[in-house]
Every structure is written in C-alpha cells, then in structure tokens.
Amino acid sequence: MKNKIPDGWLDCPANGEYLVEGKFMALKTPLEKYNAKFPVQARYPPEEIFKRAAHNKVKIGLWIDLTNTTRYYSKKSVEDQNCQYVKLCCEGHGIAPSRRHVKEFIDIAHNFIVHNPCESIAVHCTHGYNRTGFLIVAFLVEQLGFKVEDAIDRFSKARYVRNYTISQFTNDPYSENI
C-alpha cells in the first residue's frame, strides 16, 4: 500500500550510535511526508538528522537513499542542508542489492571520501539495516580490504540494537525490558 507507514518503522531505532569506520551514518528512512500521522516526538524529517549530526560535530556531505520509492520525503529537504543527495533505487523485501548497485555505491562513496575527507555519508534504506548494511559492508570489504566477518561486526556495533532485533523475531513490541 503506497500511503502506509512501513511495518516496524515506528519501533525501529532512528540511527546507529556512531559512524561506521568514522564515515558512514546508517539510519532508517525519514518519513517527512507522514509527519501529520505521528506525535511530535516520533517525527523524523531529514532536518532532524542534520541537527543530531551537527550536535555530535558530524558534517553530512553526502546522503545516499537506497529506498525503491520517492514517497517518504523530498530530496530538497536534504539538498537544502547543503548536502549532495544520491538516489540509488534498490529493491528491498529480502532481495540483496545487485552487483551493479554494489559497484555504484562503492564508486560514489569512494569518490566522495577522496574529495571530502572530513565529511560523512548518511545511508538509508527503509529501516537502515538490510540494504544499508549490505552496501556499507561491501564497501568495507571491497574498498578497504576488511574480512567479511570484521566488516559485519563493525556495522553491527554501529547500528545494532538488541531490543529491536529481538522484537523482529518474536513479534513482541519493541521494549526496553527485553
């Protein structure tokens, strides 16, 4: 359904605790266009992400949107923050990004890092785990020479939230008591 909030989005943590390898900010998609459906404290527009980053002295210079839709927010909200926006449409729902998407992501991220070494890259799919994790891990492995297990470990430490992950397997609501 096109005008529906993605399943599990409200309970999904907004973003990781820190940057993956000091460069990648993994986050869930902002749902700016759904603000009227949320209480104020649950709203998550792009501006909020930039505000949180600035508070932590992080400058986001590149924003990579991996969702396969444009219905969640306006790219102008990102570009208005003096940030480059890149749309890389990757299918979700259990389908891994294609080899072409992996290469494109690595090329985009590498070129940005070379020319903007002091800035960070925000990357998101719907929940900020599957496509986001796959492509960040691919970058660490293929561009930086990480072993796969080490790359997965780095991503998990930056983005993993135990309570949320358990709730996805148990169908229990997200709870701080898990």
Protein backbone atom coordinates (compact mmCIF):
# COMPACT_ATOMS: atom_id res chain seq x y z
CA MET A 1 0.00 0.00 0.00
CA LYS A 2 1.50 3.33 -1.12
CA ASN A 3 0.39 5.64 1.72
CA LYS A 4 1.15 3.30 4.58
CA ILE A 5 3.88 3.71 7.16
CA PRO A 6 6.36 0.84 6.65
CA ASP A 7 5.84 -2.08 9.04
CA GLY A 8 8.08 -1.80 12.08
CA TRP A 9 9.28 1.71 11.21
CA LEU A 10 7.99 3.44 14.35
CA ASP A 11 9.77 0.99 16.64
CA CYS A 12 12.96 0.95 14.60
CA PRO A 13 15.85 2.95 16.10
CA ALA A 14 16.50 6.13 14.11
CA ASN A 15 20.21 5.69 13.56
CA GLY A 16 23.25 3.99 14.97
CA GLU A 17 25.22 5.09 17.99
CA TYR A 18 28.23 6.15 15.95
CA LEU A 19 29.63 6.27 12.42
CA VAL A 20 30.77 3.06 10.75
CA GLU A 21 34.53 3.48 10.29
CA GLY A 22 34.14 7.15 11.17
CA LYS A 23 32.46 7.77 7.82
CA PHE A 24 29.03 6.13 7.33
CA MET A 25 25.92 7.11 9.27
CA ALA A 26 23.43 4.23 8.91
CA LEU A 27 19.85 5.31 9.50
CA LYS A 28 16.23 4.48 8.82
CA THR A 29 14.40 6.47 6.17
CA PRO A 30 12.95 9.77 7.25
CA LEU A 31 9.17 9.87 6.86
CA GLU A 32 8.72 13.61 6.46
CA LYS A 33 5.58 13.20 4.34
CA TYR A 34 3.88 11.31 7.21
CA ASN A 35 4.51 13.90 9.95
CA ALA A 36 0.79 14.52 10.47
CA LYS A 37 0.35 10.84 11.45
CA PHE A 38 2.98 10.95 14.22
CA PRO A 39 3.19 12.60 17.61
CA VAL A 40 5.84 15.34 17.56
CA GLN A 41 8.43 13.21 19.39
CA ALA A 42 8.16 10.41 16.79
CA ARG A 43 8.68 12.63 13.75
CA TYR A 44 11.89 12.06 11.86
CA PRO A 45 12.38 14.54 9.00
CA PRO A 46 15.78 14.96 7.29
CA GLU A 47 16.34 18.23 9.17
CA GLU A 48 16.32 16.31 12.46
CA ILE A 49 19.10 14.04 11.21
CA PHE A 50 21.27 17.01 10.26
CA LYS A 51 20.56 18.65 13.63
CA ARG A 52 21.59 15.49 15.51
CA ALA A 53 24.72 15.16 13.39
CA ALA A 54 25.73 18.79 13.97
CA HIS A 55 25.19 18.32 17.72
CA ASN A 56 27.75 15.48 17.51
CA LYS A 57 30.10 17.61 15.39
CA VAL A 58 29.44 15.50 12.29
CA LYS A 59 29.05 17.15 8.89
CA ILE A 60 26.94 15.09 6.48
CA GLY A 61 28.09 15.95 2.97
CA LEU A 62 26.56 13.04 1.06
CA TRP A 63 23.17 11.39 1.51
CA ILE A 64 22.52 8.05 -0.22
CA ASP A 65 18.88 6.96 -0.40
CA LEU A 66 18.57 3.22 -1.11
CA THR A 67 14.77 3.00 -0.99
CA ASN A 68 12.87 1.98 -4.10
CA THR A 69 10.40 4.88 -3.77
CA THR A 70 10.25 8.67 -3.54
CA ARG A 71 7.19 8.84 -1.31
CA TYR A 72 8.83 9.22 2.11
CA TYR A 73 10.43 12.68 1.92
CA SER A 74 11.55 15.33 -0.53
CA LYS A 75 15.17 15.26 -1.70
CA LYS A 76 15.01 19.06 -1.48
CA SER A 77 14.92 18.66 2.34
CA VAL A 78 18.39 17.12 2.08
CA GLU A 79 19.76 19.46 -0.56
CA ASP A 80 18.57 22.47 1.48
CA GLN A 81 21.08 21.34 4.12
CA ASN A 82 23.95 21.92 1.66
CA CYS A 83 24.28 18.17 1.18
CA GLN A 84 24.58 16.15 -2.01
CA TYR A 85 21.65 13.73 -2.47
CA VAL A 86 22.05 10.49 -4.43
CA LYS A 87 19.16 8.12 -5.17
CA LEU A 88 20.21 4.50 -5.68
CA CYS A 89 16.96 2.54 -6.09
CA CYS A 90 17.49 -0.91 -4.58
CA GLU A 91 14.72 -3.44 -4.24
CA GLY A 92 14.00 -4.49 -0.68
CA HIS A 93 11.99 -7.29 0.90
CA GLY A 94 14.78 -9.83 1.17
CA ILE A 95 16.45 -9.08 -2.17
CA ALA A 96 20.15 -8.23 -1.89
CA PRO A 97 21.44 -5.25 -3.88
CA SER A 98 22.67 -6.22 -7.34
CA ARG A 99 26.33 -6.32 -8.29
CA ARG A 100 25.72 -3.12 -10.30
CA HIS A 101 24.33 -1.40 -7.18
CA VAL A 102 27.30 -2.57 -5.11
CA LYS A 103 29.77 -1.16 -7.65
CA GLU A 104 27.84 2.09 -7.98
CA PHE A 105 27.64 2.53 -4.20
CA ILE A 106 31.35 1.86 -3.76
CA ASP A 107 32.28 4.26 -6.56
CA ILE A 108 30.03 7.03 -5.22
CA ALA A 109 31.24 6.61 -1.63
CA HIS A 110 34.92 6.32 -2.59
CA ASN A 111 34.84 9.41 -4.82
CA PHE A 112 33.09 11.40 -2.13
CA ILE A 113 35.58 10.35 0.57
CA VAL A 114 38.57 11.21 -1.64
CA HIS A 115 37.25 14.72 -2.28
CA ASN A 116 35.63 15.33 1.14
CA PRO A 117 37.74 13.53 3.75
CA CYS A 118 36.30 15.47 6.69
CA GLU A 119 32.64 14.88 5.86
CA SER A 120 30.35 11.91 6.48
CA ILE A 121 27.93 9.89 4.38
CA ALA A 122 24.36 9.24 5.54
CA VAL A 123 22.99 5.98 4.09
CA HIS A 124 19.48 4.64 4.49
CA CYS A 125 17.01 2.08 3.27
CA THR A 126 13.61 1.71 4.93
CA HIS A 127 14.87 0.52 8.33
CA GLY A 128 18.60 1.14 7.90
CA TYR A 129 19.67 -2.48 8.26
CA ASN A 130 19.45 -4.79 5.25
CA ARG A 131 20.33 -2.82 2.11
CA THR A 132 22.20 -0.22 4.13
CA GLY A 133 24.24 -2.83 5.99
CA PHE A 134 24.89 -4.90 2.89
CA LEU A 135 26.31 -1.95 0.95
CA ILE A 136 28.36 -0.49 3.80
CA VAL A 137 29.80 -3.95 4.49
CA ALA A 138 30.55 -4.35 0.76
CA PHE A 139 32.44 -1.04 0.84
CA LEU A 140 34.48 -2.11 3.86
CA VAL A 141 35.34 -5.45 2.24
CA GLU A 142 35.93 -4.41 -1.36
CA GLN A 143 37.37 -0.93 -0.88
CA LEU A 144 39.11 -1.13 2.49
CA GLY A 145 40.12 -4.80 2.50
CA PHE A 146 38.18 -5.91 5.57
CA LYS A 147 37.38 -9.57 6.14
CA VAL A 148 33.62 -10.10 5.75
CA GLU A 149 33.17 -11.06 9.42
CA ASP A 150 35.04 -7.96 10.59
CA ALA A 151 33.03 -5.68 8.30
CA ILE A 152 29.75 -7.15 9.56
CA ASP A 153 30.98 -6.71 13.12
CA ARG A 154 31.79 -3.03 12.51
CA PHE A 155 28.35 -2.38 11.03
CA SER A 156 26.58 -4.28 13.82
CA LYS A 157 28.40 -2.37 16.54
CA ALA A 158 27.39 0.93 14.98
CA ARG A 159 23.77 0.09 14.08
CA TYR A 160 22.67 -2.96 16.07
CA VAL A 161 20.05 -2.50 18.77
CA ARG A 162 19.40 -5.73 20.67
CA ASN A 163 15.84 -4.99 21.81
CA TYR A 164 14.63 -4.01 18.35
CA THR A 165 16.26 -7.02 16.69
CA ILE A 166 14.77 -9.47 19.19
CA SER A 167 11.34 -7.91 18.73
CA GLN A 168 11.52 -8.58 14.98
CA PHE A 169 11.90 -12.31 15.62
CA THR A 170 9.44 -12.65 18.47
CA ASN A 171 6.68 -10.35 17.19
CA ASP A 172 6.76 -8.63 20.57
CA PRO A 173 6.52 -4.87 20.60
CA TYR A 174 9.84 -3.10 20.98
CA SER A 175 10.54 -2.98 24.67
CA GLU A 176 13.42 -1.65 26.71
CA ASN A 177 12.82 -4.59 29.07
CA ILE A 178 13.89 -7.32 26.65
